[in-house]
Protein backbone atom coordinates (compact mmCIF):
# COMPACT_ATOMS: atom_id res chain seq x y z
CA MET A 1 -0.83 -26.36 35.08
CA SER A 2 -0.34 -24.78 38.46
CA ASP A 3 -3.09 -23.04 40.52
CA GLU A 4 -1.22 -19.66 39.94
CA GLN A 5 -1.47 -20.23 36.15
CA HIS A 6 -5.14 -21.14 36.51
CA ARG A 7 -5.79 -17.98 38.35
CA SER A 8 -3.79 -15.77 35.98
CA GLU A 9 -5.78 -17.24 32.97
CA GLY A 10 -9.08 -16.82 34.73
CA VAL A 11 -9.65 -20.64 34.92
CA ASN A 12 -10.34 -20.36 38.77
CA ASP A 13 -12.53 -17.31 38.37
CA PRO A 14 -15.80 -18.62 37.13
CA PRO A 15 -18.61 -16.16 36.30
CA GLN A 16 -20.66 -17.97 38.76
CA ALA A 17 -19.70 -21.00 40.77
CA PRO A 18 -21.99 -24.10 40.15
CA PRO A 19 -23.94 -25.41 43.14
CA HIS A 20 -22.09 -28.75 43.31
CA PRO A 21 -19.10 -30.67 41.84
CA GLY A 22 -19.64 -32.17 38.39
CA TRP A 23 -19.66 -31.55 34.64
CA TRP A 24 -20.81 -28.21 33.68
CA PRO A 25 -20.95 -26.11 30.43
CA ASP A 26 -17.39 -24.75 30.03
CA PRO A 27 -17.47 -21.06 31.14
CA LEU A 28 -14.25 -20.57 29.18
CA GLY A 29 -15.69 -21.82 25.85
CA TYR A 30 -12.90 -24.24 25.02
CA ALA A 31 -14.97 -27.34 25.38
CA ASP A 32 -18.55 -28.51 25.67
CA ARG A 33 -18.24 -29.29 29.28
CA ARG A 34 -15.56 -28.72 32.06
CA TRP A 35 -15.27 -30.35 35.46
CA TRP A 36 -16.12 -28.20 38.57
CA ASP A 37 -14.51 -29.80 41.57
CA GLY A 38 -16.50 -27.66 44.09
CA VAL A 39 -13.68 -25.25 44.50
CA ARG A 40 -12.20 -24.46 41.08
CA TRP A 41 -12.57 -25.35 37.36
CA ALA A 42 -10.37 -28.29 36.48
CA ASP A 43 -8.37 -28.91 33.27
CA HIS A 44 -10.59 -31.89 32.51
CA THR A 45 -13.00 -31.24 29.63
CA GLN A 46 -15.48 -33.21 27.50
CA GLY A 47 -16.65 -32.68 23.96
CA LEU A 48 -14.95 -31.08 21.10
CA ARG A 49 -12.79 -28.06 21.70
CA ARG A 50 -14.24 -25.00 20.08
CA ARG A 51 -12.15 -22.15 18.91
CA THR A 52 -13.94 -19.25 20.50
CA HIS A 53 -10.94 -17.00 20.89
CA ARG A 54 -9.12 -15.19 18.15
CA ARG A 55 -5.43 -14.40 17.99
CA ARG A 56 -4.82 -10.89 19.16
CA VAL A 57 -2.60 -8.59 17.15
CA THR A 58 -0.38 -6.37 19.29
CA PRO A 59 0.29 -2.68 18.48
CA LEU A 60 3.80 -3.57 17.87
CA GLN A 61 2.82 -6.17 15.16
CA ILE A 62 0.60 -3.46 13.64
CA ALA A 63 3.41 -0.94 13.69
CA ALA A 64 5.82 -3.46 12.16
CA GLY A 65 3.41 -4.33 9.27
CA ALA A 66 2.71 -0.65 8.62
CA GLY A 67 6.52 -0.14 8.50
CA VAL A 68 7.02 -2.94 6.06
CA VAL A 69 4.23 -1.48 3.76
CA LEU A 70 5.71 2.03 4.00
CA ILE A 71 9.16 0.72 3.06
CA LEU A 72 7.69 -1.26 0.04
CA MET A 73 5.83 1.88 -0.99
CA LEU A 74 8.96 4.05 -0.78
CA MET A 75 10.95 1.49 -2.71
CA GLY A 76 8.40 1.30 -5.42
CA TRP A 77 8.37 5.10 -5.66
CA ALA A 78 12.09 5.28 -5.79
CA ILE A 79 12.32 2.65 -8.49
CA GLY A 80 9.36 4.25 -10.43
CA ALA A 81 10.89 7.75 -10.01
CA GLU A 82 13.67 6.79 -12.37
CA ARG A 83 11.31 5.98 -15.21
CA ALA A 84 7.68 6.25 -15.96
CA THR A 85 6.00 4.30 -18.66
CA MET A 86 2.64 4.77 -20.19
CA PRO A 87 1.00 1.43 -20.92
CA GLN A 88 -0.01 0.65 -24.53
CA GLY A 89 -3.51 1.86 -25.26
CA SER A 90 -3.19 4.68 -22.69
CA THR A 91 -6.18 6.95 -22.26
CA THR A 92 -4.28 10.09 -23.41
CA PRO A 93 -6.07 11.16 -26.52
CA SER A 94 -4.29 11.84 -29.69
CA ALA A 95 -4.95 13.78 -32.87
CA GLY A 96 -1.23 13.46 -33.75
CA GLY A 97 1.57 15.99 -34.03
CA GLU A 98 3.97 17.73 -31.77
CA PRO A 99 1.48 19.34 -29.40
CA ASP A 100 -0.19 15.91 -28.62
CA ALA A 101 3.25 14.21 -28.09
CA TYR A 102 4.24 16.99 -25.78
CA LEU A 103 1.05 16.58 -23.72
CA ALA A 104 1.46 12.78 -23.58
CA CYS A 105 4.96 13.37 -22.31
CA GLN A 106 3.75 15.86 -19.67
CA ASP A 107 1.47 13.12 -18.32
CA LEU A 108 4.39 10.76 -18.06
CA VAL A 109 6.61 13.30 -16.38
CA ARG A 110 3.92 14.03 -13.84
CA GLN A 111 4.04 10.46 -12.65
CA LEU A 112 7.70 11.05 -11.72
CA LEU A 113 7.10 14.06 -9.59
CA PRO A 114 6.47 14.00 -5.87
CA ALA A 115 4.05 17.00 -6.21
CA PRO A 116 2.69 16.68 -9.78
CA GLU A 117 -0.11 19.18 -9.19
CA ALA A 118 2.49 21.95 -8.60
CA ALA A 119 4.41 21.27 -11.82
CA ARG A 120 4.76 23.98 -14.34
CA PHE A 121 5.74 23.06 -18.02
CA PRO A 122 7.07 25.50 -20.53
CA ASP A 123 5.10 26.20 -23.69
CA VAL A 124 5.31 23.53 -26.48
CA SER A 125 7.49 26.01 -28.54
CA ASP A 126 10.04 25.95 -25.79
CA ALA A 127 10.50 22.10 -26.05
CA SER A 128 12.78 20.18 -28.32
CA ILE A 129 10.69 17.79 -30.12
CA ALA A 130 11.82 15.41 -32.97
CA GLU A 131 9.54 13.02 -34.91
CA ARG A 132 10.95 9.56 -35.91
CA GLY A 133 8.29 7.83 -37.94
CA GLN A 134 5.61 6.88 -35.38
CA GLU A 135 7.72 7.98 -32.37
CA TRP A 136 8.35 11.37 -30.96
CA ASP A 137 11.34 12.18 -28.83
CA VAL A 138 10.72 15.25 -26.44
CA GLN A 139 13.09 17.20 -24.31
CA ALA A 140 12.05 20.06 -21.92
CA ASP A 141 12.22 21.18 -18.34
CA VAL A 142 9.73 21.08 -15.57
CA GLU A 143 9.59 23.59 -12.81
CA VAL A 144 8.50 22.32 -9.35
CA ALA A 145 8.59 24.00 -5.95
CA ASP A 146 10.89 22.21 -3.48
CA GLY A 147 9.99 21.74 0.20
CA ALA A 148 11.32 25.22 1.01
CA GLY A 149 9.23 26.84 -1.62
CA ALA A 150 12.02 27.59 -3.97
CA ILE A 151 11.39 26.71 -7.67
CA GLU A 152 13.59 24.09 -8.99
CA ARG A 153 13.94 23.46 -12.76
CA THR A 154 14.48 19.79 -13.80
CA PRO A 155 15.17 18.70 -17.37
CA TRP A 156 13.42 15.54 -18.74
CA LEU A 157 13.41 13.25 -21.65
CA CYS A 158 10.55 11.41 -23.15
CA THR A 159 9.73 9.01 -26.11
CA VAL A 160 6.10 8.41 -26.97
CA ARG A 161 4.42 6.56 -29.86
CA GLU A 162 0.90 7.15 -31.18
CA ARG A 163 -1.03 3.94 -31.81
CA GLY A 164 -4.60 3.94 -32.90
CA GLY A 165 -5.50 7.29 -31.40
CA THR A 166 -3.73 6.80 -28.09
CA TRP A 167 -0.12 7.29 -26.84
CA ASP A 168 2.25 5.04 -25.00
CA GLY A 169 5.82 5.61 -24.03
CA GLU A 170 8.37 6.32 -21.26
CA ALA A 171 9.98 9.41 -19.64
CA GLU A 172 12.88 10.03 -17.30
CA LEU A 173 14.11 12.96 -15.18
CA VAL A 174 17.65 14.05 -16.11
CA GLU A 175 19.71 15.02 -13.05
């Protein structure tokens, strides 16, 4: 290692110069002891090297990591926006019947919307609901304000099943 490299890495800039040449505690923390030649710290060390420094993460690495996370989140949202599913044993309560099937479907459709809190659903009497044994097929529209504030009406389809007092199923927006 050249003297210039030593100086740029701080090897030649000890916190305080020892009084005479010899082995001294390593001021850099890389070894137990380092040789002081009377002018500068040498590359010669004794003892086990200790890792006292940590790898530094650059702002560029942080930004790249955040970008990857954002892309993965957007991909997940785009994939999930096509179809939402309610896991079996969902917490949506059920007493059975059309109104409960419609409410369970509303919960699924909200998962597909970018701004679910602004969604407006029509009354249950305005939805098309068909019972098929333990399953319910529901068709209706949802009104959501777009980015400019205009109300956009989007149709959706949903199939839900009641199982032991809870609902499970899937929904999709129809474009």
